[in-house]
């Protein structure tokens, strides 16, 4: 049984790069504010963004940047992020977006795996970036802001602009965010120009954006949600975005009030603050038409509480990096409590049991998705690609869901073992591997524990070697020194034996039942 969208199909252009599509209104809106830095008030107009993209692309090409070259971008949400992203795309290259909270080892893995030959960051992360490039193909680091003795983005913008888009094909990989997918260590997700253009088109009937809308852009641009739904999708529709490098409730509320924000894109922890924090009452949020939540499931109760308090629609969507990212979204401002919207245009879905048999309405099974937003594959990993996308083009999401009679989807569980901490993916296997390197630990398992604010908290179950000693804080600090902050162990329990099946697989269900 194939479920199709209740929304009309859309026309998806061919031979159009993601930058051409994102800047399609730049000429007619040249003087309109495209991006406002919410911290400093700096403004970049659509015309300035277009000119900057072409100038940066010209500099990259003049410095030997050829089609297919990979540039790693590690920065917070600032106007220059869009300029760099699209400057690389305009020059025919590929961007790999890096989480700025990564450790040097995590950054190095991504640089090596992606084949990046350039790394651009901000001065705040320069020391970590310099440590990370050892053993990679990146000779030195560029910064966006000026630093004495360091090559900068401005140095790349001294040549003649590249007026015409460099040669490209629809199926050329333009961005490689890294995702753990359904299993294991993070992998490069190859997303093409067509993937990104298609997915923006596919949300046309789900996200009724208007040219006079203003949106808060606090969700990180390195993450597919911030990159595509906010940065590219909003700019492509002529919407002004106001950036924040990180979310602080009071500052965010002030920005909403000052800039008359109409679209508030959020994740569940932010919705929790909007629903419950007393400081919200001190601000005028009447301009907000909709709070759109994504990246992790939002409970029906919390969504309704936030909607009642703010007097606006609170809706949500579903997607994943491998889907560019949107496969489902609430249509307009219509919400069903607990639902993740309806299937977006030009997309097919199936709900199947463990044997691959199709299930009917209101029956729980794994969600499979097929459409033009499905990734090209995992970089240099055909086995993982084949495990995720079958021979008929169906992407197996690893999420358990069902459709109701009205075509709304409800995500009810996850087959995959990833932990979702504040919208970020935490692979248990990675933490388990690190725990086993501790000299006192004999065995370990990690699961997610439900939490109202974070979504899930990574909890470790640790079995110590005979005669060995280690404290909870010592083990937590051991892990914290090796991973990004969101991957840290938040809870820890000592256990005599980690339960496993006869084949050696960790019985996580038993641990959850504890």
Protein backbone atom coordinates (compact mmCIF):
# COMPACT_ATOMS: atom_id res chain seq x y z
CA UNK A 1 0.00 0.00 0.00
CA UNK A 2 1.64 3.22 -1.18
CA UNK A 3 0.62 6.40 0.60
CA UNK A 4 0.81 9.54 -1.53
CA UNK A 5 0.48 13.16 -0.55
CA UNK A 6 -2.84 14.85 0.06
CA UNK A 7 -1.14 17.99 -1.29
CA UNK A 8 -0.89 18.80 -5.02
CA UNK A 9 2.21 17.75 -6.94
CA UNK A 10 4.66 20.53 -7.77
CA UNK A 11 6.90 21.16 -10.74
CA UNK A 12 10.57 20.67 -9.94
CA UNK A 13 12.90 22.56 -12.29
CA UNK A 14 15.88 20.85 -13.89
CA UNK A 15 19.23 22.38 -14.71
CA UNK A 16 18.94 24.80 -11.78
CA UNK A 17 21.57 24.86 -9.04
CA UNK A 18 20.60 25.29 -5.41
CA UNK A 19 22.23 28.73 -5.46
CA UNK A 20 20.35 29.84 -8.57
CA UNK A 21 17.14 28.67 -6.91
CA UNK A 22 17.89 30.24 -3.52
CA UNK A 23 18.75 33.58 -5.14
CA UNK A 24 15.94 33.47 -7.73
CA UNK A 25 14.40 36.68 -6.32
CA UNK A 26 17.68 38.51 -5.64
CA UNK A 27 17.48 40.84 -8.63
CA UNK A 28 13.93 42.04 -7.95
CA UNK A 29 14.56 42.19 -4.18
CA UNK A 30 18.11 43.53 -4.32
CA UNK A 31 17.54 46.16 -1.61
CA UNK A 32 15.44 43.97 0.66
CA UNK A 33 16.97 42.61 3.86
CA UNK A 34 17.88 38.96 3.36
CA UNK A 35 19.76 38.19 6.57
CA UNK A 36 19.95 40.18 9.79
CA UNK A 37 22.51 39.29 12.43
CA UNK A 38 20.31 39.19 15.51
CA UNK A 39 23.26 39.80 17.83
CA UNK A 40 24.84 42.83 16.13
CA UNK A 41 22.05 44.11 13.88
CA UNK A 42 24.22 43.81 10.75
CA UNK A 43 22.16 43.53 7.57
CA UNK A 44 22.92 41.69 4.33
CA UNK A 45 20.49 42.48 1.51
CA UNK A 46 19.57 40.04 -1.24
CA UNK A 47 21.68 42.09 -3.64
CA UNK A 48 24.68 42.04 -1.32
CA UNK A 49 24.31 38.30 -0.85
CA UNK A 50 24.18 37.71 -4.61
CA UNK A 51 27.20 39.95 -5.26
CA UNK A 52 29.14 38.41 -2.38
CA UNK A 53 28.46 34.88 -3.60
CA UNK A 54 29.75 35.72 -7.07
CA UNK A 55 32.81 37.56 -5.73
CA UNK A 56 33.73 34.72 -3.37
CA UNK A 57 33.25 32.18 -6.14
CA UNK A 58 35.55 34.21 -8.37
CA UNK A 59 38.20 34.22 -5.66
CA UNK A 60 37.89 30.50 -5.06
CA UNK A 61 38.30 29.74 -8.76
CA UNK A 62 41.28 32.11 -9.00
CA UNK A 63 42.88 30.20 -6.12
CA UNK A 64 42.58 26.84 -7.86
CA UNK A 65 39.14 25.78 -6.69
CA UNK A 66 37.75 23.40 -9.30
CA UNK A 67 34.38 21.62 -9.63
CA UNK A 68 34.10 18.90 -7.01
CA UNK A 69 36.52 20.54 -4.58
CA UNK A 70 35.32 20.14 -0.99
CA UNK A 71 35.32 23.06 1.45
CA UNK A 72 34.54 22.43 5.12
CA UNK A 73 32.50 25.14 6.81
CA UNK A 74 32.45 25.33 10.61
CA UNK A 75 30.69 28.42 11.93
CA UNK A 76 27.71 29.60 13.94
CA UNK A 77 24.65 31.16 12.32
CA UNK A 78 25.89 34.45 10.89
CA UNK A 79 25.15 36.13 7.52
CA UNK A 80 28.49 34.99 6.08
CA UNK A 81 27.41 31.36 6.41
CA UNK A 82 25.01 31.68 3.50
CA UNK A 83 27.58 33.62 1.49
CA UNK A 84 30.20 30.89 1.92
CA UNK A 85 27.78 28.02 1.35
CA UNK A 86 26.55 29.46 -1.92
CA UNK A 87 29.92 30.84 -3.00
CA UNK A 88 31.24 27.29 -2.98
CA UNK A 89 28.17 25.98 -4.80
CA UNK A 90 28.40 28.77 -7.40
CA UNK A 91 32.02 27.79 -8.06
CA UNK A 92 30.93 24.19 -8.67
CA UNK A 93 32.25 22.83 -5.38
CA UNK A 94 30.90 20.86 -2.46
CA UNK A 95 30.40 22.06 1.12
CA UNK A 96 30.71 19.77 4.10
CA UNK A 97 29.15 21.43 7.14
CA UNK A 98 30.80 20.80 10.51
CA UNK A 99 29.33 21.16 13.98
CA UNK A 100 31.42 23.86 15.73
CA UNK A 101 31.18 22.01 19.07
CA UNK A 102 33.06 19.01 17.67
CA UNK A 103 36.40 18.03 19.17
CA UNK A 104 39.54 18.15 17.03
CA UNK A 105 39.37 14.37 16.52
CA UNK A 106 35.75 14.53 15.33
CA UNK A 107 36.56 17.39 12.95
CA UNK A 108 39.59 15.51 11.63
CA UNK A 109 37.46 12.44 10.87
CA UNK A 110 35.07 14.55 8.81
CA UNK A 111 37.87 16.39 6.99
CA UNK A 112 39.59 13.12 6.09
CA UNK A 113 36.44 11.26 5.13
CA UNK A 114 35.02 14.09 3.02
CA UNK A 115 38.30 14.82 1.25
CA UNK A 116 38.10 18.51 2.19
CA UNK A 117 41.02 20.67 1.10
CA UNK A 118 39.83 23.91 2.73
CA UNK A 119 38.42 24.71 6.16
CA UNK A 120 36.73 28.02 6.97
CA UNK A 121 35.73 28.88 10.54
CA UNK A 122 35.56 31.82 12.95
CA UNK A 123 38.26 32.98 15.35
CA UNK A 124 36.46 31.45 18.33
CA UNK A 125 37.12 27.95 16.96
CA UNK A 126 40.51 28.62 15.38
CA UNK A 127 42.61 26.70 17.92
CA UNK A 128 40.47 23.58 17.61
CA UNK A 129 40.47 23.90 13.81
CA UNK A 130 44.26 24.20 13.67
CA UNK A 131 44.60 21.09 15.83
CA UNK A 132 42.11 19.22 13.63
CA UNK A 133 43.83 19.74 10.26
CA UNK A 134 46.89 17.68 11.24
CA UNK A 135 46.96 14.62 9.01
CA UNK A 136 44.35 15.99 6.58
CA UNK A 137 44.51 17.55 3.11
CA UNK A 138 43.79 21.02 4.54
CA UNK A 139 47.04 23.05 4.53
CA UNK A 140 45.79 25.91 6.70
CA UNK A 141 42.62 27.38 8.15
CA UNK A 142 40.74 30.43 6.86
CA UNK A 143 38.65 32.55 9.22
CA UNK A 144 35.58 34.61 8.48
CA UNK A 145 36.53 37.38 10.91
CA UNK A 146 40.01 38.96 10.81
CA UNK A 147 42.84 37.38 12.83
CA UNK A 148 46.44 38.57 12.65
CA UNK A 149 48.56 36.27 10.52
CA UNK A 150 45.63 34.10 9.42
CA UNK A 151 44.15 33.85 5.92
CA UNK A 152 40.59 35.18 5.87
CA UNK A 153 37.46 35.03 3.79
CA UNK A 154 38.20 38.61 2.69
CA UNK A 155 41.45 37.38 1.10
CA UNK A 156 39.33 35.15 -1.14
CA UNK A 157 37.20 38.08 -2.29
CA UNK A 158 39.80 40.22 -4.05
CA UNK A 159 39.39 38.81 -7.56
CA UNK A 160 36.87 39.48 -10.29
CA UNK A 161 33.44 37.98 -9.53
CA UNK A 162 32.27 34.81 -11.24
CA UNK A 163 29.09 36.11 -12.89
CA UNK A 164 27.94 32.84 -14.45
CA UNK A 165 27.30 29.71 -12.40
CA UNK A 166 30.13 27.19 -12.85
CA UNK A 167 29.31 24.07 -14.81
CA UNK A 168 27.31 21.56 -12.79
CA UNK A 169 24.85 18.69 -13.20
CA UNK A 170 21.60 18.14 -11.30
CA UNK A 171 23.03 15.04 -9.65
CA UNK A 172 26.33 16.63 -8.59
CA UNK A 173 26.85 16.51 -4.83
CA UNK A 174 26.67 20.07 -3.52
CA UNK A 175 26.63 19.49 0.24
CA UNK A 176 27.71 16.70 2.58
CA UNK A 177 26.35 17.06 6.08
CA UNK A 178 27.36 14.18 8.30
CA UNK A 179 24.80 11.90 9.88
CA UNK A 180 24.86 8.62 11.73
CA UNK A 181 21.90 7.54 9.64
CA UNK A 182 20.35 4.49 11.22
CA UNK A 183 23.57 3.05 12.63
CA UNK A 184 27.19 3.60 13.54
CA UNK A 185 29.69 6.42 13.14
CA UNK A 186 28.78 9.54 11.21
CA UNK A 187 28.82 9.27 7.43
CA UNK A 188 28.84 11.87 4.68
CA UNK A 189 25.35 12.26 3.24
CA UNK A 190 25.66 13.18 -0.43
CA UNK A 191 22.92 15.66 -1.30
CA UNK A 192 22.69 16.94 -4.86
CA UNK A 193 21.51 20.20 -6.39
CA UNK A 194 18.32 18.39 -7.43
CA UNK A 195 17.76 16.99 -3.91
CA UNK A 196 17.90 20.46 -2.36
CA UNK A 197 15.94 22.28 -5.05
CA UNK A 198 13.30 19.56 -5.09
CA UNK A 199 12.75 19.58 -1.36
CA UNK A 200 12.22 23.35 -1.23
CA UNK A 201 9.67 22.99 -4.03
CA UNK A 202 8.02 20.06 -2.26
CA UNK A 203 7.20 22.17 0.81
CA UNK A 204 5.41 24.84 -1.24
CA UNK A 205 1.92 23.76 -0.15
CA UNK A 206 2.95 22.86 3.41
CA UNK A 207 4.79 26.07 4.32
CA UNK A 208 2.73 29.04 3.09
CA UNK A 209 5.55 31.57 3.21
CA UNK A 210 4.98 35.17 2.14
CA UNK A 211 7.51 37.75 1.04
CA UNK A 212 6.82 40.01 4.02
CA UNK A 213 7.44 37.20 6.51
CA UNK A 214 10.31 37.37 8.99
CA UNK A 215 11.73 34.18 10.47
CA UNK A 216 13.97 33.47 13.43
CA UNK A 217 16.98 31.38 12.33
CA UNK A 218 18.48 29.95 15.51
CA UNK A 219 18.55 26.30 14.44
CA UNK A 220 22.14 25.69 13.28
CA UNK A 221 22.87 26.03 9.60
CA UNK A 222 25.32 23.10 9.78
CA UNK A 223 22.31 20.86 10.55
CA UNK A 224 20.07 19.94 7.62
CA UNK A 225 16.97 21.50 9.27
CA UNK A 226 18.62 24.91 9.64
CA UNK A 227 20.46 24.65 6.33
CA UNK A 228 17.53 23.74 4.11
CA UNK A 229 14.28 24.73 5.79
CA UNK A 230 15.63 28.01 7.15
CA UNK A 231 18.65 29.27 5.23
CA UNK A 232 17.89 28.03 1.71
CA UNK A 233 14.14 27.56 1.85
CA UNK A 234 13.33 30.92 3.41
CA UNK A 235 15.71 32.92 1.21
CA UNK A 236 14.34 31.17 -1.88
CA UNK A 237 10.91 32.52 -0.93
CA UNK A 238 12.12 36.07 -0.27
CA UNK A 239 11.74 35.78 3.51
CA UNK A 240 13.98 37.85 5.79
CA UNK A 241 15.81 35.72 8.33
CA UNK A 242 17.23 36.89 11.66
CA UNK A 243 20.15 34.76 12.84
CA UNK A 244 21.21 33.79 16.33
CA UNK A 245 24.50 31.93 16.96
CA UNK A 246 22.91 30.00 19.84
CA UNK A 247 19.50 30.09 21.47
CA UNK A 248 19.02 32.07 24.66
CA UNK A 249 15.37 32.47 25.55
CA UNK A 250 15.45 36.12 26.64
CA UNK A 251 17.49 37.25 23.63
CA UNK A 252 15.31 35.19 21.30
CA UNK A 253 12.12 36.72 22.68
CA UNK A 254 13.60 40.21 22.31
CA UNK A 255 14.45 39.50 18.66
CA UNK A 256 10.92 38.23 18.00
CA UNK A 257 9.49 41.41 19.49
CA UNK A 258 11.94 43.83 17.83
CA UNK A 259 11.83 42.28 14.34
CA UNK A 260 8.18 41.25 14.36
CA UNK A 261 9.03 37.62 13.64
CA UNK A 262 6.15 35.73 12.01
CA UNK A 263 7.67 32.22 11.67
CA UNK A 264 9.34 30.75 14.74
CA UNK A 265 11.22 27.59 13.75
CA UNK A 266 12.06 25.55 16.82
CA UNK A 267 12.92 22.21 18.37
CA UNK A 268 11.02 20.70 21.32
CA UNK A 269 13.26 22.15 24.09
CA UNK A 270 12.57 25.66 22.73
CA UNK A 271 8.84 24.94 22.54
CA UNK A 272 9.05 23.81 26.18
CA UNK A 273 10.49 27.21 27.15
CA UNK A 274 7.83 29.07 25.18
CA UNK A 275 5.12 27.05 26.88
CA UNK A 276 6.33 27.18 30.47
CA UNK A 277 8.92 29.88 31.21
CA UNK A 278 7.45 32.89 33.07
CA UNK A 279 9.69 35.39 31.21
CA UNK A 280 7.67 34.82 28.03
CA UNK A 281 4.89 37.00 29.45
CA UNK A 282 7.23 40.03 29.40
CA UNK A 283 7.38 40.16 25.60
CA UNK A 284 4.99 40.99 22.78
CA UNK A 285 4.90 37.89 20.58
CA UNK A 286 1.69 38.79 18.78
CA UNK A 287 3.47 38.89 15.40
CA UNK A 288 4.12 35.14 15.51
CA UNK A 289 1.79 33.26 13.16
CA UNK A 290 3.22 29.80 13.69
CA UNK A 291 5.76 27.87 15.72
CA UNK A 292 7.14 25.07 13.55
CA UNK A 293 8.86 22.29 15.50
CA UNK A 294 11.14 19.68 14.01
CA UNK A 295 14.26 17.50 14.54
CA UNK A 296 12.59 15.44 17.29
CA UNK A 297 9.01 14.46 18.19
CA UNK A 298 6.89 17.08 19.96
CA UNK A 299 4.26 15.74 22.34
CA UNK A 300 0.64 16.63 21.71
CA UNK A 301 0.32 18.06 25.22
CA UNK A 302 3.31 20.39 24.92
CA UNK A 303 2.27 21.59 21.47
CA UNK A 304 -1.23 22.46 22.65
CA UNK A 305 0.07 24.22 25.76
CA UNK A 306 2.42 26.39 23.68
CA UNK A 307 -0.29 27.20 21.13
CA UNK A 308 -2.70 28.29 23.83
CA UNK A 309 -0.16 30.49 25.55
CA UNK A 310 1.13 32.23 22.40
CA UNK A 311 -2.20 32.33 20.58
CA UNK A 312 -0.73 30.94 17.36
CA UNK A 313 -0.50 27.66 15.52
CA UNK A 314 2.08 25.15 16.75
CA UNK A 315 2.81 22.51 14.13
CA UNK A 316 5.55 20.04 13.37
CA UNK A 317 7.20 18.13 10.58
CA UNK A 318 9.31 15.04 10.08
CA UNK A 319 12.46 14.46 8.10
CA UNK A 320 16.04 13.30 8.20
CA UNK A 321 19.34 14.40 6.71
CA UNK A 322 19.06 11.65 4.10
CA UNK A 323 15.75 13.21 2.93
CA UNK A 324 17.08 16.74 2.31
CA UNK A 325 15.32 16.79 4.92
CA UNK A 326 11.52 17.08 4.73
CA UNK A 327 9.18 14.18 4.01
CA UNK A 328 6.23 15.31 6.16
CA UNK A 329 4.94 18.64 7.40
CA UNK A 330 1.75 20.10 8.78
CA UNK A 331 -0.16 21.71 5.89
CA UNK A 332 -0.20 25.44 6.47
CA UNK A 333 -1.30 26.20 10.01
CA UNK A 334 -3.41 23.05 10.32
CA UNK A 335 -2.30 20.83 13.15
CA UNK A 336 -3.33 17.49 14.58
CA UNK A 337 -1.99 17.08 18.12
CA UNK A 338 0.89 14.62 18.14
CA UNK A 339 1.03 14.27 14.36
CA UNK A 340 4.05 15.16 12.23
CA UNK A 341 1.97 16.51 9.38
CA UNK A 342 1.14 14.97 6.02
CA UNK A 343 3.35 13.67 3.23
CA UNK A 344 4.84 16.54 1.23
CA UNK A 345 4.28 16.86 -2.52
CA UNK A 346 5.84 14.42 -5.00
CA UNK A 347 6.57 11.88 -2.24
CA UNK A 348 5.50 8.28 -1.74
CA UNK A 349 5.47 6.38 1.57
CA UNK A 350 4.95 2.86 2.78
CA UNK A 351 4.40 1.46 6.27
CA UNK A 352 5.79 -2.07 6.45
CA UNK A 353 6.21 -4.84 9.02
CA UNK A 354 9.51 -6.56 9.84
CA UNK A 355 9.10 -8.84 6.82
CA UNK A 356 8.56 -5.94 4.41
CA UNK A 357 4.80 -6.50 4.08
CA UNK A 358 2.65 -3.40 3.67
CA UNK A 359 0.37 -2.40 6.52
CA UNK A 360 -2.87 -0.44 6.40
CA UNK A 361 -4.04 2.78 8.01
CA UNK A 362 -3.59 3.13 11.77
CA UNK A 363 -1.18 0.17 11.83
CA UNK A 364 2.34 0.71 13.20
CA UNK A 365 5.32 -0.28 11.07
CA UNK A 366 8.56 1.06 9.64
CA UNK A 367 8.24 4.17 7.46
CA UNK A 368 9.75 3.92 3.98
CA UNK A 369 10.01 7.03 1.77
CA UNK A 370 10.61 7.50 -1.96
CA UNK A 371 10.93 10.77 -3.84
CA UNK A 372 13.33 13.29 -5.41
CA UNK A 373 14.56 14.35 -1.96
CA UNK A 374 16.16 10.94 -1.23
CA UNK A 375 19.93 11.33 -0.95
CA UNK A 376 22.40 10.21 -3.59
CA UNK A 377 23.99 7.95 -0.98
CA UNK A 378 26.59 7.80 1.77
CA UNK A 379 30.03 8.97 0.66
CA UNK A 380 32.41 6.08 -0.05
CA UNK A 381 30.06 3.68 1.72
CA UNK A 382 28.03 1.61 -0.75
CA UNK A 383 27.23 -0.99 1.91
CA UNK A 384 25.61 1.54 4.23
CA UNK A 385 23.80 3.08 1.25
CA UNK A 386 22.39 -0.30 0.22
CA UNK A 387 21.30 -0.94 3.80
CA UNK A 388 19.30 2.32 3.76
CA UNK A 389 17.98 2.60 0.18
CA UNK A 390 16.67 -0.55 -1.47
CA UNK A 391 16.80 -1.46 -5.16
CA UNK A 392 13.39 0.14 -5.77
CA UNK A 393 14.49 3.51 -4.37
CA UNK A 394 12.72 3.22 -1.00
CA UNK A 395 14.63 4.81 1.87
CA UNK A 396 14.12 2.81 5.06
CA UNK A 397 13.89 5.44 7.79
CA UNK A 398 14.17 3.18 10.83
CA UNK A 399 11.21 5.00 12.38
CA UNK A 400 7.99 3.29 13.44
CA UNK A 401 4.91 5.23 12.35
CA UNK A 402 1.33 5.02 11.12
CA UNK A 403 -0.98 7.09 8.93
CA UNK A 404 -4.47 7.99 10.09
CA UNK A 405 -7.56 8.23 7.90
CA UNK A 406 -6.79 11.87 7.00
CA UNK A 407 -3.25 11.20 5.79
CA UNK A 408 -1.50 12.55 8.90
CA UNK A 409 1.52 10.61 10.07
CA UNK A 410 2.31 9.77 13.68
CA UNK A 411 5.89 8.85 14.56
CA UNK A 412 5.54 6.49 17.51
CA UNK A 413 8.95 4.88 18.04
CA UNK A 414 12.34 4.24 16.49
CA UNK A 415 13.73 1.00 15.21
CA UNK A 416 17.12 2.57 15.06
CA UNK A 417 19.03 2.92 18.27
CA UNK A 418 20.13 6.53 17.87
CA UNK A 419 19.53 8.79 20.83
CA UNK A 420 18.04 12.21 20.05
CA UNK A 421 19.50 14.77 22.49
CA UNK A 422 18.06 18.26 21.86
CA UNK A 423 17.58 17.34 18.20
CA UNK A 424 21.15 16.05 17.74
CA UNK A 425 21.92 12.43 16.95
CA UNK A 426 23.97 10.52 19.51
CA UNK A 427 25.07 7.06 18.30
CA UNK A 428 25.23 4.63 21.27
CA UNK A 429 27.85 2.50 19.52
CA UNK A 430 30.31 5.40 19.43
CA UNK A 431 29.98 6.05 23.15
CA UNK A 432 30.13 2.35 23.95
CA UNK A 433 33.36 2.06 21.98
CA UNK A 434 34.89 4.95 23.90
CA UNK A 435 33.74 3.60 27.26
CA UNK A 436 35.46 0.31 26.53
CA UNK A 437 38.79 2.14 26.17
CA UNK A 438 38.65 3.12 29.85
CA UNK A 439 41.08 0.86 31.75
CA UNK A 440 38.57 0.09 34.51
CA UNK A 441 35.58 -0.79 32.31
CA UNK A 442 34.84 -4.36 31.30
CA UNK A 443 31.62 -3.80 29.38
CA UNK A 444 29.19 -0.99 28.64
CA UNK A 445 25.92 -0.14 26.98
CA UNK A 446 24.26 3.20 26.23
CA UNK A 447 20.56 3.94 25.78
CA UNK A 448 18.35 7.03 25.63
CA UNK A 449 16.25 7.98 28.64
CA UNK A 450 13.17 10.15 28.01
CA UNK A 451 13.51 13.74 29.21
CA UNK A 452 11.03 16.61 28.87
CA UNK A 453 13.65 19.23 28.02
CA UNK A 454 16.25 17.32 26.00
CA UNK A 455 14.03 14.69 24.40
CA UNK A 456 16.40 11.93 25.46
CA UNK A 457 19.43 11.77 27.74
CA UNK A 458 22.33 9.40 26.96
CA UNK A 459 22.60 6.93 29.85
CA UNK A 460 25.49 4.51 30.25
CA UNK A 461 25.36 1.15 31.97
CA UNK A 462 28.88 0.19 33.00
CA UNK A 463 30.36 -3.06 34.24
CA UNK A 464 33.76 -2.71 35.90
CA UNK A 465 36.66 -5.15 35.65
CA UNK A 466 37.25 -7.35 38.75
CA UNK A 467 39.10 -5.34 41.38
CA UNK A 468 38.93 -2.11 39.34
CA UNK A 469 37.47 1.12 40.66
CA UNK A 470 36.10 4.21 38.93
CA UNK A 471 33.60 6.87 39.95
CA UNK A 472 30.62 8.11 37.97
CA UNK A 473 32.14 11.58 37.59
CA UNK A 474 35.49 10.17 36.48
CA UNK A 475 33.88 8.15 33.68
CA UNK A 476 31.69 11.05 32.58
CA UNK A 477 34.73 13.34 32.39
CA UNK A 478 36.64 10.65 30.46
CA UNK A 479 33.96 10.68 27.76
CA UNK A 480 33.41 14.47 27.83
CA UNK A 481 37.06 15.04 26.90
CA UNK A 482 36.63 13.06 23.68
CA UNK A 483 33.25 14.07 22.23
CA UNK A 484 31.11 17.09 21.38
CA UNK A 485 29.09 18.44 24.30
CA UNK A 486 25.79 16.98 23.09
CA UNK A 487 27.25 13.46 23.02
CA UNK A 488 28.29 13.45 26.67
CA UNK A 489 27.05 10.79 29.09
CA UNK A 490 24.35 12.47 31.21
CA UNK A 491 23.40 9.51 33.41
CA UNK A 492 25.40 6.50 34.52
CA UNK A 493 24.58 3.30 36.37
CA UNK A 494 26.98 0.59 37.44
CA UNK A 495 25.78 -2.90 36.57
CA UNK A 496 27.19 -6.39 37.22
CA UNK A 497 26.60 -7.70 33.69
CA UNK A 498 25.42 -5.97 30.52
CA UNK A 499 22.53 -8.12 29.22
CA UNK A 500 23.15 -9.61 25.78
CA UNK A 501 21.57 -12.08 23.41
CA UNK A 502 23.17 -15.36 22.39
CA UNK A 503 24.66 -13.62 19.38
CA UNK A 504 26.23 -10.94 21.58
CA UNK A 505 23.79 -8.14 20.81
CA UNK A 506 23.05 -5.79 23.70
CA UNK A 507 19.53 -6.27 24.99
CA UNK A 508 18.63 -2.62 25.25
CA UNK A 509 15.00 -3.41 25.99
CA UNK A 510 16.04 -5.02 29.28
CA UNK A 511 18.05 -1.95 30.17
CA UNK A 512 15.10 0.32 29.40
CA UNK A 513 12.84 -1.88 31.53
CA UNK A 514 15.10 -1.25 34.52
